Amino acid sequence: MAGRAPNKTDVAVGERVREFRKDANLSQTALADQIGVTFQQVQKYENGINRIGAGRLMQIAHALNVPITAFFDGLARPADKRRTKTARLAELSAVPTAPKLLQAFSKISDPVLEADVVNLVRALRFW
């Protein structure tokens, strides 16, 4: 069964792989050896002929010493006025005290108290 053809994002990610590989002064062969594929496969990834699976992209990011998000920076569609819950959660997790708050909240064993804390925080409306 054949997979889907690469789309614009797949091609852009492949181009970023090439950029990061060159920045790291690695040949296609050297990168291929590190991630367990042939240099021809790396060529196909970089040219957008073959899609890169999530696991393989993690290997590439590790080999090139870049965060996996670097392959996607700037590729998102222009945001509409609504933010996704995921984006909001990511933003909130960057708040330095958020982990402490979550840790303390997770220790509440009484469901009524848990609901009261949520209602209290909602009532504060600081954000």
C-alpha atoms as a PDB file:
ATOM      1  CA  MET A   1       0.000   0.000   0.000  1.00  0.00           C
ATOM      2  CA  ALA A   2       1.512   3.299  -1.045  1.00  0.00           C
ATOM      3  CA  GLY A   3       1.645   6.260   1.355  1.00  0.00           C
ATOM      4  CA  ARG A   4       0.377   9.696   0.640  1.00  0.00           C
ATOM      5  CA  ALA A   5       2.408  11.996  -1.548  1.00  0.00           C
ATOM      6  CA  PRO A   6       4.459  14.610   0.306  1.00  0.00           C
ATOM      7  CA  ASN A   7       2.742  17.961   0.773  1.00  0.00           C
ATOM      8  CA  LYS A   8       4.187  21.478   1.084  1.00  0.00           C
ATOM      9  CA  THR A   9       5.029  20.946   4.744  1.00  0.00           C
ATOM     10  CA  ASP A  10       6.868  17.696   3.975  1.00  0.00           C
ATOM     11  CA  VAL A  11       8.918  19.485   1.315  1.00  0.00           C
ATOM     12  CA  ALA A  12       9.680  22.409   3.646  1.00  0.00           C
ATOM     13  CA  VAL A  13      10.771  20.024   6.429  1.00  0.00           C
ATOM     14  CA  GLY A  14      13.064  18.231   3.958  1.00  0.00           C
ATOM     15  CA  GLU A  15      14.610  21.550   2.979  1.00  0.00           C
ATOM     16  CA  ARG A  16      15.211  22.336   6.642  1.00  0.00           C
ATOM     17  CA  VAL A  17      16.874  18.953   7.124  1.00  0.00           C
ATOM     18  CA  ARG A  18      19.278  19.880   4.299  1.00  0.00           C
ATOM     19  CA  GLU A  19      19.966  23.323   5.829  1.00  0.00           C
ATOM     20  CA  PHE A  20      20.647  21.941   9.298  1.00  0.00           C
ATOM     21  CA  ARG A  21      22.759  19.095   7.892  1.00  0.00           C
ATOM     22  CA  LYS A  22      24.919  21.567   5.975  1.00  0.00           C
ATOM     23  CA  ASP A  23      25.174  23.844   9.009  1.00  0.00           C
ATOM     24  CA  ALA A  24      26.443  20.832  10.949  1.00  0.00           C
ATOM     25  CA  ASN A  25      29.009  20.129   8.204  1.00  0.00           C
ATOM     26  CA  LEU A  26      27.652  16.626   7.703  1.00  0.00           C
ATOM     27  CA  SER A  27      27.461  14.817   4.398  1.00  0.00           C
ATOM     28  CA  GLN A  28      24.317  12.970   3.430  1.00  0.00           C
ATOM     29  CA  THR A  29      26.250   9.758   3.998  1.00  0.00           C
ATOM     30  CA  ALA A  30      27.292  10.791   7.513  1.00  0.00           C
ATOM     31  CA  LEU A  31      23.730  11.710   8.453  1.00  0.00           C
ATOM     32  CA  ALA A  32      22.431   8.497   6.882  1.00  0.00           C
ATOM     33  CA  ASP A  33      24.887   6.435   8.927  1.00  0.00           C
ATOM     34  CA  GLN A  34      23.747   8.134  12.144  1.00  0.00           C
ATOM     35  CA  ILE A  35      20.055   7.516  11.504  1.00  0.00           C
ATOM     36  CA  GLY A  36      20.352   4.058   9.942  1.00  0.00           C
ATOM     37  CA  VAL A  37      19.327   4.715   6.344  1.00  0.00           C
ATOM     38  CA  THR A  38      21.124   5.048   3.009  1.00  0.00           C
ATOM     39  CA  PHE A  39      22.366   8.378   1.696  1.00  0.00           C
ATOM     40  CA  GLN A  40      19.839   7.977  -1.123  1.00  0.00           C
ATOM     41  CA  GLN A  41      17.074   7.964   1.475  1.00  0.00           C
ATOM     42  CA  VAL A  42      18.453  11.179   2.987  1.00  0.00           C
ATOM     43  CA  GLN A  43      18.423  12.678  -0.533  1.00  0.00           C
ATOM     44  CA  LYS A  44      14.768  11.689  -0.905  1.00  0.00           C
ATOM     45  CA  TYR A  45      13.925  13.237   2.470  1.00  0.00           C
ATOM     46  CA  GLU A  46      15.732  16.458   1.624  1.00  0.00           C
ATOM     47  CA  ASN A  47      14.128  16.737  -1.803  1.00  0.00           C
ATOM     48  CA  GLY A  48      10.674  16.086  -0.426  1.00  0.00           C
ATOM     49  CA  ILE A  49      10.252  12.908  -2.457  1.00  0.00           C
ATOM     50  CA  ASN A  50       9.749  10.762   0.655  1.00  0.00           C
ATOM     51  CA  ARG A  51       7.914  11.845   3.752  1.00  0.00           C
ATOM     52  CA  ILE A  52       9.784  11.738   7.069  1.00  0.00           C
ATOM     53  CA  GLY A  53       8.023   9.837   9.832  1.00  0.00           C
ATOM     54  CA  ALA A  54       7.926  11.204  13.363  1.00  0.00           C
ATOM     55  CA  GLY A  55      10.390   8.681  14.769  1.00  0.00           C
ATOM     56  CA  ARG A  56      12.858   9.239  11.962  1.00  0.00           C
ATOM     57  CA  LEU A  57      12.532  13.009  12.360  1.00  0.00           C
ATOM     58  CA  MET A  58      13.418  12.606  16.037  1.00  0.00           C
ATOM     59  CA  GLN A  59      16.543  10.686  15.018  1.00  0.00           C
ATOM     60  CA  ILE A  60      17.471  13.395  12.518  1.00  0.00           C
ATOM     61  CA  ALA A  61      16.945  16.140  15.111  1.00  0.00           C
ATOM     62  CA  HIS A  62      19.167  14.264  17.552  1.00  0.00           C
ATOM     63  CA  ALA A  63      21.879  13.663  14.927  1.00  0.00           C
ATOM     64  CA  LEU A  64      21.844  17.337  13.916  1.00  0.00           C
ATOM     65  CA  ASN A  65      21.610  18.536  17.515  1.00  0.00           C
ATOM     66  CA  VAL A  66      18.514  20.672  16.897  1.00  0.00           C
ATOM     67  CA  PRO A  67      15.129  20.613  18.604  1.00  0.00           C
ATOM     68  CA  ILE A  68      12.511  18.811  16.553  1.00  0.00           C
ATOM     69  CA  THR A  69      10.465  22.008  16.490  1.00  0.00           C
ATOM     70  CA  ALA A  70      13.205  23.675  14.439  1.00  0.00           C
ATOM     71  CA  PHE A  71      11.971  21.789  11.387  1.00  0.00           C
ATOM     72  CA  PHE A  72       8.567  23.458  11.716  1.00  0.00           C
ATOM     73  CA  ASP A  73       9.400  26.988  12.873  1.00  0.00           C
ATOM     74  CA  GLY A  74       7.484  29.490  10.799  1.00  0.00           C
ATOM     75  CA  LEU A  75       5.533  26.865   8.864  1.00  0.00           C
ATOM     76  CA  ALA A  76       2.253  27.224  10.723  1.00  0.00           C
ATOM     77  CA  ARG A  77      -0.663  28.820   8.983  1.00  0.00           C
ATOM     78  CA  PRO A  78      -1.284  32.399  10.001  1.00  0.00           C
ATOM     79  CA  ALA A  79      -3.169  32.108  13.235  1.00  0.00           C
ATOM     80  CA  ASP A  80      -6.799  32.995  13.182  1.00  0.00           C
ATOM     81  CA  LYS A  81      -8.215  35.004  16.041  1.00  0.00           C
ATOM     82  CA  ARG A  82      -8.863  31.877  18.101  1.00  0.00           C
ATOM     83  CA  ARG A  83      -6.032  30.141  19.864  1.00  0.00           C
ATOM     84  CA  THR A  84      -6.149  26.412  20.217  1.00  0.00           C
ATOM     85  CA  LYS A  85      -6.268  24.853  23.654  1.00  0.00           C
ATOM     86  CA  THR A  86      -2.938  23.204  22.908  1.00  0.00           C
ATOM     87  CA  ALA A  87      -1.306  26.544  22.107  1.00  0.00           C
ATOM     88  CA  ARG A  88      -2.731  28.077  25.273  1.00  0.00           C
ATOM     89  CA  LEU A  89      -1.525  25.140  27.384  1.00  0.00           C
ATOM     90  CA  ALA A  90       1.946  25.418  25.866  1.00  0.00           C
ATOM     91  CA  GLU A  91       1.974  29.119  26.658  1.00  0.00           C
ATOM     92  CA  LEU A  92       0.853  28.502  30.227  1.00  0.00           C
ATOM     93  CA  SER A  93       3.431  25.774  30.772  1.00  0.00           C
ATOM     94  CA  ALA A  94       6.125  28.358  30.081  1.00  0.00           C
ATOM     95  CA  VAL A  95       5.043  30.320  33.177  1.00  0.00           C
ATOM     96  CA  PRO A  96       7.742  29.637  35.795  1.00  0.00           C
ATOM     97  CA  THR A  97       5.300  28.926  38.639  1.00  0.00           C
ATOM     98  CA  ALA A  98       2.931  26.751  36.603  1.00  0.00           C
ATOM     99  CA  PRO A  99       4.643  23.435  37.462  1.00  0.00           C
ATOM    100  CA  LYS A 100       4.462  24.271  41.189  1.00  0.00           C
ATOM    101  CA  LEU A 101       0.782  25.109  40.896  1.00  0.00           C
ATOM    102  CA  LEU A 102       0.043  21.911  38.978  1.00  0.00           C
ATOM    103  CA  GLN A 103       2.015  19.836  41.444  1.00  0.00           C
ATOM    104  CA  ALA A 104       0.138  21.327  44.395  1.00  0.00           C
ATOM    105  CA  PHE A 105      -3.210  20.949  42.615  1.00  0.00           C
ATOM    106  CA  SER A 106      -2.510  17.304  41.800  1.00  0.00           C
ATOM    107  CA  LYS A 107      -2.148  16.559  45.525  1.00  0.00           C
ATOM    108  CA  ILE A 108      -5.731  17.607  46.280  1.00  0.00           C
ATOM    109  CA  SER A 109      -7.632  14.394  46.930  1.00  0.00           C
ATOM    110  CA  ASP A 110     -11.067  15.880  47.655  1.00  0.00           C
ATOM    111  CA  PRO A 111     -13.071  16.400  44.430  1.00  0.00           C
ATOM    112  CA  VAL A 112     -15.172  19.147  46.042  1.00  0.00           C
ATOM    113  CA  LEU A 113     -12.077  21.058  47.145  1.00  0.00           C
ATOM    114  CA  GLU A 114     -10.572  20.521  43.697  1.00  0.00           C
ATOM    115  CA  ALA A 115     -13.662  22.059  42.077  1.00  0.00           C
ATOM    116  CA  ASP A 116     -13.594  24.944  44.580  1.00  0.00           C
ATOM    117  CA  VAL A 117      -9.963  25.708  43.687  1.00  0.00           C
ATOM    118  CA  VAL A 118     -10.793  25.699  39.982  1.00  0.00           C
ATOM    119  CA  ASN A 119     -13.749  28.014  40.598  1.00  0.00           C
ATOM    120  CA  LEU A 120     -11.592  30.323  42.718  1.00  0.00           C
ATOM    121  CA  VAL A 121      -8.956  30.599  40.011  1.00  0.00           C
ATOM    122  CA  ARG A 122     -11.619  31.213  37.366  1.00  0.00           C
ATOM    123  CA  ALA A 123     -13.155  33.923  39.547  1.00  0.00           C
ATOM    124  CA  LEU A 124      -9.819  35.736  39.817  1.00  0.00           C
ATOM    125  CA  ARG A 125      -9.712  36.308  36.020  1.00  0.00           C
ATOM    126  CA  PHE A 126      -6.156  37.633  36.032  1.00  0.00           C
ATOM    127  CA  TRP A 127      -5.456  36.461  32.501  1.00  0.00           C
END
